[in-house]
Amino acid sequence: MRGVISMNVPKEIVTHCPKCNKHTVHAVSIYKEGRRRALAKGERAHERERKGYGGQKYPILRRKAKTTKKQALKLKCKDCGHVIHREGIRLKKMTIE
């Protein structure tokens, strides 16, 4: 297996804040997706496509191919409270120390 399996991330990172336009201390947390809204336009359209005859619009994933998920970081500026997301990397486990 290639790549990093687990990674430790510090609780605070000094990085550039686009709102303050300077490097500031950011609090680090792992990004978690919110619950899907059933009444959102795209969600309703998807359900409409799936309903009735004519088969499934998207292929149903029968077997799980990937063993890891992409973990994205959520960085919150300690000065202004602006939140930025760091691009996720593929990891089995990410811990914030």
PDB file of N, CA and C in Angstrom:
ATOM      1  N   MET A   1       0.829  -1.177   0.000  1.00  0.00           N
ATOM      2  CA  MET A   1       0.000   0.000   0.000  1.00  0.00           C
ATOM      3  C   MET A   1       0.876   1.243   0.000  1.00  0.00           C
ATOM      4  N   ARG A   2       0.563   2.194  -0.882  1.00  0.00           N
ATOM      5  CA  ARG A   2       1.348   3.417  -0.979  1.00  0.00           C
ATOM      6  C   ARG A   2       0.740   4.534  -0.159  1.00  0.00           C
ATOM      7  N   GLY A   3       1.549   5.545   0.154  1.00  0.00           N
ATOM      8  CA  GLY A   3       1.039   6.759   0.789  1.00  0.00           C
ATOM      9  C   GLY A   3       1.017   6.692   2.298  1.00  0.00           C
ATOM     10  N   VAL A   4       0.528   7.761   2.890  1.00  0.00           N
ATOM     11  CA  VAL A   4       0.461   7.896   4.340  1.00  0.00           C
ATOM     12  C   VAL A   4      -0.808   7.220   4.846  1.00  0.00           C
ATOM     13  N   ILE A   5      -0.682   6.453   5.940  1.00  0.00           N
ATOM     14  CA  ILE A   5      -1.841   5.776   6.490  1.00  0.00           C
ATOM     15  C   ILE A   5      -2.465   6.605   7.610  1.00  0.00           C
ATOM     16  N   SER A   6      -1.626   7.145   8.516  1.00  0.00           N
ATOM     17  CA  SER A   6      -2.146   8.006   9.578  1.00  0.00           C
ATOM     18  C   SER A   6      -1.274   9.255   9.676  1.00  0.00           C
ATOM     19  N   MET A   7      -1.874  10.334  10.206  1.00  0.00           N
ATOM     20  CA  MET A   7      -1.157  11.604  10.258  1.00  0.00           C
ATOM     21  C   MET A   7      -1.613  12.399  11.478  1.00  0.00           C
ATOM     22  N   ASN A   8      -0.628  13.012  12.166  1.00  0.00           N
ATOM     23  CA  ASN A   8      -0.929  13.886  13.295  1.00  0.00           C
ATOM     24  C   ASN A   8      -0.888  15.327  12.821  1.00  0.00           C
ATOM     25  N   VAL A   9      -1.897  16.108  13.205  1.00  0.00           N
ATOM     26  CA  VAL A   9      -1.994  17.511  12.797  1.00  0.00           C
ATOM     27  C   VAL A   9      -2.045  18.364  14.067  1.00  0.00           C
ATOM     28  N   PRO A  10      -1.300  19.487  14.123  1.00  0.00           N
ATOM     29  CA  PRO A  10      -1.357  20.337  15.315  1.00  0.00           C
ATOM     30  C   PRO A  10      -2.715  21.019  15.472  1.00  0.00           C
ATOM     31  N   LYS A  11      -3.046  21.406  16.729  1.00  0.00           N
ATOM     32  CA  LYS A  11      -4.330  22.066  17.013  1.00  0.00           C
ATOM     33  C   LYS A  11      -4.390  23.462  16.407  1.00  0.00           C
ATOM     34  N   GLU A  12      -3.226  24.114  16.292  1.00  0.00           N
ATOM     35  CA  GLU A  12      -3.161  25.466  15.739  1.00  0.00           C
ATOM     36  C   GLU A  12      -2.098  25.531  14.657  1.00  0.00           C
ATOM     37  N   ILE A  13      -2.404  26.245  13.569  1.00  0.00           N
ATOM     38  CA  ILE A  13      -1.494  26.420  12.441  1.00  0.00           C
ATOM     39  C   ILE A  13      -1.412  27.909  12.132  1.00  0.00           C
ATOM     40  N   VAL A  14      -0.196  28.396  11.865  1.00  0.00           N
ATOM     41  CA  VAL A  14      -0.039  29.777  11.410  1.00  0.00           C
ATOM     42  C   VAL A  14      -0.040  29.749   9.887  1.00  0.00           C
ATOM     43  N   THR A  15      -1.069  30.339   9.282  1.00  0.00           N
ATOM     44  CA  THR A  15      -1.191  30.354   7.826  1.00  0.00           C
ATOM     45  C   THR A  15      -1.892  31.646   7.393  1.00  0.00           C
ATOM     46  N   HIS A  16      -1.931  31.876   6.092  1.00  0.00           N
ATOM     47  CA  HIS A  16      -2.472  33.129   5.554  1.00  0.00           C
ATOM     48  C   HIS A  16      -3.990  33.158   5.648  1.00  0.00           C
ATOM     49  N   CYS A  17      -4.518  34.269   6.167  1.00  0.00           N
ATOM     50  CA  CYS A  17      -5.963  34.494   6.216  1.00  0.00           C
ATOM     51  C   CYS A  17      -6.318  35.504   5.128  1.00  0.00           C
ATOM     52  N   PRO A  18      -7.173  35.132   4.163  1.00  0.00           N
ATOM     53  CA  PRO A  18      -7.510  36.051   3.077  1.00  0.00           C
ATOM     54  C   PRO A  18      -8.317  37.264   3.536  1.00  0.00           C
ATOM     55  N   LYS A  19      -9.039  37.133   4.661  1.00  0.00           N
ATOM     56  CA  LYS A  19      -9.839  38.257   5.154  1.00  0.00           C
ATOM     57  C   LYS A  19      -8.957  39.290   5.870  1.00  0.00           C
ATOM     58  N   CYS A  20      -8.028  38.806   6.723  1.00  0.00           N
ATOM     59  CA  CYS A  20      -7.097  39.714   7.406  1.00  0.00           C
ATOM     60  C   CYS A  20      -5.965  40.155   6.469  1.00  0.00           C
ATOM     61  N   ASN A  21      -5.734  39.390   5.424  1.00  0.00           N
ATOM     62  CA  ASN A  21      -4.662  39.598   4.440  1.00  0.00           C
ATOM     63  C   ASN A  21      -3.281  39.568   5.091  1.00  0.00           C
ATOM     64  N   LYS A  22      -3.119  38.643   6.037  1.00  0.00           N
ATOM     65  CA  LYS A  22      -1.815  38.430   6.672  1.00  0.00           C
ATOM     66  C   LYS A  22      -1.800  37.036   7.301  1.00  0.00           C
ATOM     67  N   HIS A  23      -0.627  36.598   7.736  1.00  0.00           N
ATOM     68  CA  HIS A  23      -0.512  35.299   8.390  1.00  0.00           C
ATOM     69  C   HIS A  23      -0.973  35.413   9.838  1.00  0.00           C
ATOM     70  N   THR A  24      -1.912  34.551  10.228  1.00  0.00           N
ATOM     71  CA  THR A  24      -2.447  34.557  11.585  1.00  0.00           C
ATOM     72  C   THR A  24      -2.552  33.121  12.091  1.00  0.00           C
ATOM     73  N   VAL A  25      -2.829  32.980  13.381  1.00  0.00           N
ATOM     74  CA  VAL A  25      -3.015  31.658  13.987  1.00  0.00           C
ATOM     75  C   VAL A  25      -4.418  31.163  13.651  1.00  0.00           C
ATOM     76  N   HIS A  26      -4.503  29.910  13.216  1.00  0.00           N
ATOM     77  CA  HIS A  26      -5.789  29.298  12.863  1.00  0.00           C
ATOM     78  C   HIS A  26      -6.016  28.054  13.722  1.00  0.00           C
ATOM     79  N   ALA A  27      -7.243  27.897  14.221  1.00  0.00           N
ATOM     80  CA  ALA A  27      -7.639  26.685  14.937  1.00  0.00           C
ATOM     81  C   ALA A  27      -7.974  25.616  13.898  1.00  0.00           C
ATOM     82  N   VAL A  28      -7.520  24.393  14.128  1.00  0.00           N
ATOM     83  CA  VAL A  28      -7.672  23.310  13.154  1.00  0.00           C
ATOM     84  C   VAL A  28      -8.713  22.309  13.623  1.00  0.00           C
ATOM     85  N   SER A  29      -9.619  21.917  12.717  1.00  0.00           N
ATOM     86  CA  SER A  29     -10.558  20.829  12.981  1.00  0.00           C
ATOM     87  C   SER A  29     -10.756  20.051  11.685  1.00  0.00           C
ATOM     88  N   ILE A  30     -11.319  18.861  11.803  1.00  0.00           N
ATOM     89  CA  ILE A  30     -11.555  18.025  10.618  1.00  0.00           C
ATOM     90  C   ILE A  30     -12.927  18.383  10.055  1.00  0.00           C
ATOM     91  N   TYR A  31     -12.995  18.616   8.747  1.00  0.00           N
ATOM     92  CA  TYR A  31     -14.248  18.985   8.090  1.00  0.00           C
ATOM     93  C   TYR A  31     -15.183  17.786   8.061  1.00  0.00           C
ATOM     94  N   LYS A  32     -16.437  18.040   8.432  1.00  0.00           N
ATOM     95  CA  LYS A  32     -17.447  16.990   8.420  1.00  0.00           C
ATOM     96  C   LYS A  32     -18.633  17.484   7.604  1.00  0.00           C
ATOM     97  N   GLU A  33     -19.133  16.646   6.713  1.00  0.00           N
ATOM     98  CA  GLU A  33     -20.256  17.033   5.868  1.00  0.00           C
ATOM     99  C   GLU A  33     -21.522  17.155   6.701  1.00  0.00           C
ATOM    100  N   GLY A  34     -22.371  18.111   6.320  1.00  0.00           N
ATOM    101  CA  GLY A  34     -23.661  18.277   6.979  1.00  0.00           C
ATOM    102  C   GLY A  34     -24.682  17.295   6.416  1.00  0.00           C
ATOM    103  N   ARG A  35     -25.864  17.278   7.029  1.00  0.00           N
ATOM    104  CA  ARG A  35     -26.919  16.384   6.560  1.00  0.00           C
ATOM    105  C   ARG A  35     -27.483  16.903   5.249  1.00  0.00           C
ATOM    106  N   ARG A  36     -27.797  15.997   4.329  1.00  0.00           N
ATOM    107  CA  ARG A  36     -28.372  16.391   3.043  1.00  0.00           C
ATOM    108  C   ARG A  36     -29.807  16.865   3.244  1.00  0.00           C
ATOM    109  N   ARG A  37     -30.177  17.949   2.529  1.00  0.00           N
ATOM    110  CA  ARG A  37     -31.530  18.492   2.645  1.00  0.00           C
ATOM    111  C   ARG A  37     -32.424  17.842   1.603  1.00  0.00           C
ATOM    112  N   ALA A  38     -33.470  17.188   2.047  1.00  0.00           N
ATOM    113  CA  ALA A  38     -34.362  16.456   1.143  1.00  0.00           C
ATOM    114  C   ALA A  38     -35.159  17.391   0.240  1.00  0.00           C
ATOM    115  N   LEU A  39     -35.342  18.659   0.648  1.00  0.00           N
ATOM    116  CA  LEU A  39     -36.142  19.590  -0.142  1.00  0.00           C
ATOM    117  C   LEU A  39     -35.288  20.472  -1.060  1.00  0.00           C
ATOM    118  N   ALA A  40     -33.980  20.233  -1.128  1.00  0.00           N
ATOM    119  CA  ALA A  40     -33.122  20.991  -2.035  1.00  0.00           C
ATOM    120  C   ALA A  40     -33.486  20.639  -3.476  1.00  0.00           C
ATOM    121  N   LYS A  41     -33.325  21.590  -4.386  1.00  0.00           N
ATOM    122  CA  LYS A  41     -33.754  21.405  -5.775  1.00  0.00           C
ATOM    123  C   LYS A  41     -33.084  20.203  -6.426  1.00  0.00           C
ATOM    124  N   GLY A  42     -31.779  20.076  -6.261  1.00  0.00           N
ATOM    125  CA  GLY A  42     -31.042  18.962  -6.860  1.00  0.00           C
ATOM    126  C   GLY A  42     -31.460  17.617  -6.301  1.00  0.00           C
ATOM    127  N   GLU A  43     -31.727  17.590  -4.999  1.00  0.00           N
ATOM    128  CA  GLU A  43     -32.152  16.359  -4.329  1.00  0.00           C
ATOM    129  C   GLU A  43     -33.526  15.925  -4.847  1.00  0.00           C
ATOM    130  N   ARG A  44     -34.425  16.895  -5.033  1.00  0.00           N
ATOM    131  CA  ARG A  44     -35.762  16.593  -5.567  1.00  0.00           C
ATOM    132  C   ARG A  44     -35.676  16.095  -7.004  1.00  0.00           C
ATOM    133  N   ALA A  45     -34.818  16.729  -7.807  1.00  0.00           N
ATOM    134  CA  ALA A  45     -34.640  16.318  -9.207  1.00  0.00           C
ATOM    135  C   ALA A  45     -34.076  14.905  -9.283  1.00  0.00           C
ATOM    136  N   HIS A  46     -33.137  14.596  -8.388  1.00  0.00           N
ATOM    137  CA  HIS A  46     -32.538  13.257  -8.357  1.00  0.00           C
ATOM    138  C   HIS A  46     -33.572  12.198  -8.008  1.00  0.00           C
ATOM    139  N   GLU A  47     -34.404  12.493  -7.030  1.00  0.00           N
ATOM    140  CA  GLU A  47     -35.463  11.547  -6.646  1.00  0.00           C
ATOM    141  C   GLU A  47     -36.458  11.341  -7.780  1.00  0.00           C
ATOM    142  N   ARG A  48     -36.763  12.421  -8.507  1.00  0.00           N
ATOM    143  CA  ARG A  48     -37.683  12.339  -9.646  1.00  0.00           C
ATOM    144  C   ARG A  48     -37.108  11.444 -10.735  1.00  0.00           C
ATOM    145  N   GLU A  49     -35.798  11.554 -10.967  1.00  0.00           N
ATOM    146  CA  GLU A  49     -35.131  10.722 -11.983  1.00  0.00           C
ATOM    147  C   GLU A  49     -35.185   9.248 -11.588  1.00  0.00           C
ATOM    148  N   ARG A  50     -35.046   8.979 -10.301  1.00  0.00           N
ATOM    149  CA  ARG A  50     -34.994   7.596  -9.826  1.00  0.00           C
ATOM    150  C   ARG A  50     -36.365   6.932  -9.813  1.00  0.00           C
ATOM    151  N   LYS A  51     -37.401   7.750  -9.708  1.00  0.00           N
ATOM    152  CA  LYS A  51     -38.758   7.231  -9.574  1.00  0.00           C
ATOM    153  C   LYS A  51     -39.273   6.652 -10.904  1.00  0.00           C
ATOM    154  N   GLY A  52     -40.150   5.659 -10.816  1.00  0.00           N
ATOM    155  CA  GLY A  52     -40.830   5.143 -12.001  1.00  0.00           C
ATOM    156  C   GLY A  52     -40.010   4.153 -12.806  1.00  0.00           C
ATOM    157  N   TYR A  53     -40.366   3.990 -14.078  1.00  0.00           N
ATOM    158  CA  TYR A  53     -39.694   3.027 -14.942  1.00  0.00           C
ATOM    159  C   TYR A  53     -38.484   3.680 -15.609  1.00  0.00           C
ATOM    160  N   GLY A  54     -37.645   2.858 -16.203  1.00  0.00           N
ATOM    161  CA  GLY A  54     -36.513   3.387 -16.957  1.00  0.00           C
ATOM    162  C   GLY A  54     -35.176   3.177 -16.276  1.00  0.00           C
ATOM    163  N   GLY A  55     -35.155   2.407 -15.217  1.00  0.00           N
ATOM    164  CA  GLY A  55     -33.888   2.059 -14.584  1.00  0.00           C
ATOM    165  C   GLY A  55     -33.324   3.153 -13.695  1.00  0.00           C
ATOM    166  N   GLN A  56     -32.146   2.901 -13.208  1.00  0.00           N
ATOM    167  CA  GLN A  56     -31.453   3.799 -12.286  1.00  0.00           C
ATOM    168  C   GLN A  56     -30.645   4.826 -13.078  1.00  0.00           C
ATOM    169  N   LYS A  57     -30.689   6.095 -12.668  1.00  0.00           N
ATOM    170  CA  LYS A  57     -29.961   7.153 -13.374  1.00  0.00           C
ATOM    171  C   LYS A  57     -28.461   6.979 -13.195  1.00  0.00           C
ATOM    172  N   TYR A  58     -28.046   6.705 -11.949  1.00  0.00           N
ATOM    173  CA  TYR A  58     -26.624   6.527 -11.646  1.00  0.00           C
ATOM    174  C   TYR A  58     -26.387   5.071 -11.279  1.00  0.00           C
ATOM    175  N   PRO A  59     -25.209   4.540 -11.577  1.00  0.00           N
ATOM    176  CA  PRO A  59     -24.946   3.161 -11.182  1.00  0.00           C
ATOM    177  C   PRO A  59     -24.874   3.038  -9.655  1.00  0.00           C
ATOM    178  N   ILE A  60     -25.467   1.980  -9.117  1.00  0.00           N
ATOM    179  CA  ILE A  60     -25.416   1.735  -7.678  1.00  0.00           C
ATOM    180  C   ILE A  60     -24.104   1.017  -7.385  1.00  0.00           C
ATOM    181  N   LEU A  61     -23.329   1.555  -6.437  1.00  0.00           N
ATOM    182  CA  LEU A  61     -22.035   0.968  -6.090  1.00  0.00           C
ATOM    183  C   LEU A  61     -22.262  -0.312  -5.305  1.00  0.00           C
ATOM    184  N   ARG A  62     -21.955  -1.440  -5.916  1.00  0.00           N
ATOM    185  CA  ARG A  62     -22.207  -2.738  -5.299  1.00  0.00           C
ATOM    186  C   ARG A  62     -21.075  -3.148  -4.354  1.00  0.00           C
ATOM    187  N   ARG A  63     -19.838  -2.812  -4.727  1.00  0.00           N
ATOM    188  CA  ARG A  63     -18.699  -3.198  -3.886  1.00  0.00           C
ATOM    189  C   ARG A  63     -17.886  -1.957  -3.571  1.00  0.00           C
ATOM    190  N   LYS A  64     -17.293  -1.917  -2.396  1.00  0.00           N
ATOM    191  CA  LYS A  64     -16.513  -0.766  -1.971  1.00  0.00           C
ATOM    192  C   LYS A  64     -15.098  -0.895  -2.531  1.00  0.00           C
ATOM    193  N   ALA A  65     -14.684   0.086  -3.334  1.00  0.00           N
ATOM    194  CA  ALA A  65     -13.389   0.010  -3.983  1.00  0.00           C
ATOM    195  C   ALA A  65     -12.285   0.638  -3.139  1.00  0.00           C
ATOM    196  N   LYS A  66     -12.600   1.729  -2.473  1.00  0.00           N
ATOM    197  CA  LYS A  66     -11.567   2.477  -1.751  1.00  0.00           C
ATOM    198  C   LYS A  66     -11.564   2.120  -0.260  1.00  0.00           C
ATOM    199  N   THR A  67     -10.370   2.087   0.310  1.00  0.00           N
ATOM    200  CA  THR A  67     -10.233   1.746   1.730  1.00  0.00           C
ATOM    201  C   THR A  67     -10.048   2.989   2.591  1.00  0.00           C
ATOM    202  N   THR A  68      -9.849   4.150   1.956  1.00  0.00           N
ATOM    203  CA  THR A  68      -9.633   5.387   2.705  1.00  0.00           C
ATOM    204  C   THR A  68     -10.564   6.476   2.201  1.00  0.00           C
ATOM    205  N   LYS A  69     -10.697   7.538   3.004  1.00  0.00           N
ATOM    206  CA  LYS A  69     -11.471   8.702   2.595  1.00  0.00           C
ATOM    207  C   LYS A  69     -10.554   9.910   2.573  1.00  0.00           C
ATOM    208  N   LYS A  70     -10.935  10.919   1.800  1.00  0.00           N
ATOM    209  CA  LYS A  70     -10.158  12.157   1.775  1.00  0.00           C
ATOM    210  C   LYS A  70     -10.540  13.004   2.986  1.00  0.00           C
ATOM    211  N   GLN A  71      -9.565  13.287   3.836  1.00  0.00           N
ATOM    212  CA  GLN A  71      -9.786  14.077   5.039  1.00  0.00           C
ATOM    213  C   GLN A  71      -9.425  15.531   4.753  1.00  0.00           C
ATOM    214  N   ALA A  72     -10.396  16.422   4.859  1.00  0.00           N
ATOM    215  CA  ALA A  72     -10.145  17.848   4.636  1.00  0.00           C
ATOM    216  C   ALA A  72     -10.054  18.557   5.988  1.00  0.00           C
ATOM    217  N   LEU A  73      -9.244  19.637   6.039  1.00  0.00           N
ATOM    218  CA  LEU A  73      -9.083  20.416   7.267  1.00  0.00           C
ATOM    219  C   LEU A  73      -9.929  21.674   7.211  1.00  0.00           C
ATOM    220  N   LYS A  74     -10.493  22.060   8.351  1.00  0.00           N
ATOM    221  CA  LYS A  74     -11.237  23.308   8.472  1.00  0.00           C
ATOM    222  C   LYS A  74     -10.403  24.215   9.365  1.00  0.00           C
ATOM    223  N   LEU A  75      -9.958  25.350   8.815  1.00  0.00           N
ATOM    224  CA  LEU A  75      -9.111  26.278   9.554  1.00  0.00           C
ATOM    225  C   LEU A  75      -9.902  27.532   9.885  1.00  0.00           C
ATOM    226  N   LYS A  76      -9.963  27.889  11.180  1.00  0.00           N
ATOM    227  CA  LYS A  76     -10.696  29.075  11.623  1.00  0.00           C
ATOM    228  C   LYS A  76      -9.704  30.085  12.183  1.00  0.00           C
ATOM    229  N   CYS A  77      -9.719  31.295  11.599  1.00  0.00           N
ATOM    230  CA  CYS A  77      -8.811  32.361  12.013  1.00  0.00           C
ATOM    231  C   CYS A  77      -9.160  32.811  13.429  1.00  0.00           C
ATOM    232  N   LYS A  78      -8.141  32.918  14.278  1.00  0.00           N
ATOM    233  CA  LYS A  78      -8.376  33.319  15.673  1.00  0.00           C
ATOM    234  C   LYS A  78      -8.623  34.820  15.789  1.00  0.00           C
ATOM    235  N   ASP A  79      -8.191  35.605  14.789  1.00  0.00           N
ATOM    236  CA  ASP A  79      -8.390  37.055  14.841  1.00  0.00           C
ATOM    237  C   ASP A  79      -9.799  37.456  14.394  1.00  0.00           C
ATOM    238  N   CYS A  80     -10.197  37.009  13.188  1.00  0.00           N
ATOM    239  CA  CYS A  80     -11.477  37.469  12.622  1.00  0.00           C
ATOM    240  C   CYS A  80     -12.555  36.382  12.565  1.00  0.00           C
ATOM    241  N   GLY A  81     -12.190  35.122  12.769  1.00  0.00           N
ATOM    242  CA  GLY A  81     -13.177  34.033  12.746  1.00  0.00           C
ATOM    243  C   GLY A  81     -13.499  33.500  11.362  1.00  0.00           C
ATOM    244  N   HIS A  82     -12.764  33.964  10.335  1.00  0.00           N
ATOM    245  CA  HIS A  82     -12.983  33.512   8.959  1.00  0.00           C
ATOM    246  C   HIS A  82     -12.557  32.045   8.827  1.00  0.00           C
ATOM    247  N   VAL A  83     -13.373  31.241   8.155  1.00  0.00           N
ATOM    248  CA  VAL A  83     -13.088  29.804   8.007  1.00  0.00           C
ATOM    249  C   VAL A  83     -12.650  29.508   6.585  1.00  0.00           C
ATOM    250  N   ILE A  84     -11.531  28.783   6.451  1.00  0.00           N
ATOM    251  CA  ILE A  84     -11.072  28.315   5.140  1.00  0.00           C
ATOM    252  C   ILE A  84     -10.886  26.803   5.213  1.00  0.00           C
ATOM    253  N   HIS A  85     -11.013  26.143   4.067  1.00  0.00           N
ATOM    254  CA  HIS A  85     -10.835  24.701   4.003  1.00  0.00           C
ATOM    255  C   HIS A  85      -9.530  24.359   3.298  1.00  0.00           C
ATOM    256  N   ARG A  86      -8.801  23.411   3.841  1.00  0.00           N
ATOM    257  CA  ARG A  86      -7.607  22.872   3.197  1.00  0.00           C
ATOM    258  C   ARG A  86      -8.023  21.645   2.410  1.00  0.00           C
ATOM    259  N   GLU A  87      -7.439  21.508   1.236  1.00  0.00           N
ATOM    260  CA  GLU A  87      -7.770  20.384   0.369  1.00  0.00           C
ATOM    261  C   GLU A  87      -7.471  19.069   1.071  1.00  0.00           C
ATOM    262  N   GLY A  88      -8.386  18.125   0.935  1.00  0.00           N
ATOM    263  CA  GLY A  88      -8.251  16.846   1.624  1.00  0.00           C
ATOM    264  C   GLY A  88      -7.212  15.945   0.988  1.00  0.00           C
ATOM    265  N   ILE A  89      -6.528  15.170   1.841  1.00  0.00           N
ATOM    266  CA  ILE A  89      -5.592  14.150   1.353  1.00  0.00           C
ATOM    267  C   ILE A  89      -6.104  12.787   1.829  1.00  0.00           C
ATOM    268  N   ARG A  90      -5.748  11.764   1.092  1.00  0.00           N
ATOM    269  CA  ARG A  90      -6.283  10.437   1.358  1.00  0.00           C
ATOM    270  C   ARG A  90      -5.556   9.794   2.544  1.00  0.00           C
ATOM    271  N   LEU A  91      -6.305   9.576   3.623  1.00  0.00           N
ATOM    272  CA  LEU A  91      -5.749   9.015   4.844  1.00  0.00           C
ATOM    273  C   LEU A  91      -6.704   8.009   5.462  1.00  0.00           C
ATOM    274  N   LYS A  92      -6.145   7.061   6.197  1.00  0.00           N
ATOM    275  CA  LYS A  92      -6.996   6.163   6.973  1.00  0.00           C
ATOM    276  C   LYS A  92      -7.419   6.847   8.255  1.00  0.00           C
ATOM    277  N   LYS A  93      -6.462   7.551   8.901  1.00  0.00           N
ATOM    278  CA  LYS A  93      -6.755   8.164  10.195  1.00  0.00           C
ATOM    279  C   LYS A  93      -6.019   9.491  10.317  1.00  0.00           C
ATOM    280  N   MET A  94      -6.726  10.527  10.771  1.00  0.00           N
ATOM    281  CA  MET A  94      -6.112  11.826  11.032  1.00  0.00           C
ATOM    282  C   MET A  94      -6.428  12.224  12.462  1.00  0.00           C
ATOM    283  N   THR A  95      -5.386  12.553  13.233  1.00  0.00           N
ATOM    284  CA  THR A  95      -5.599  12.962  14.620  1.00  0.00           C
ATOM    285  C   THR A  95      -5.097  14.386  14.808  1.00  0.00           C
ATOM    286  N   ILE A  96      -5.832  15.162  15.593  1.00  0.00           N
ATOM    287  CA  ILE A  96      -5.434  16.546  15.893  1.00  0.00           C
ATOM    288  C   ILE A  96      -4.857  16.548  17.302  1.00  0.00           C
ATOM    289  N   GLU A  97      -3.592  17.004  17.392  1.00  0.00           N
ATOM    290  CA  GLU A  97      -2.894  17.007  18.695  1.00  0.00           C
ATOM    291  C   GLU A  97      -2.813  18.399  19.249  1.00  0.00           C
TER     292      GLU A  97
END
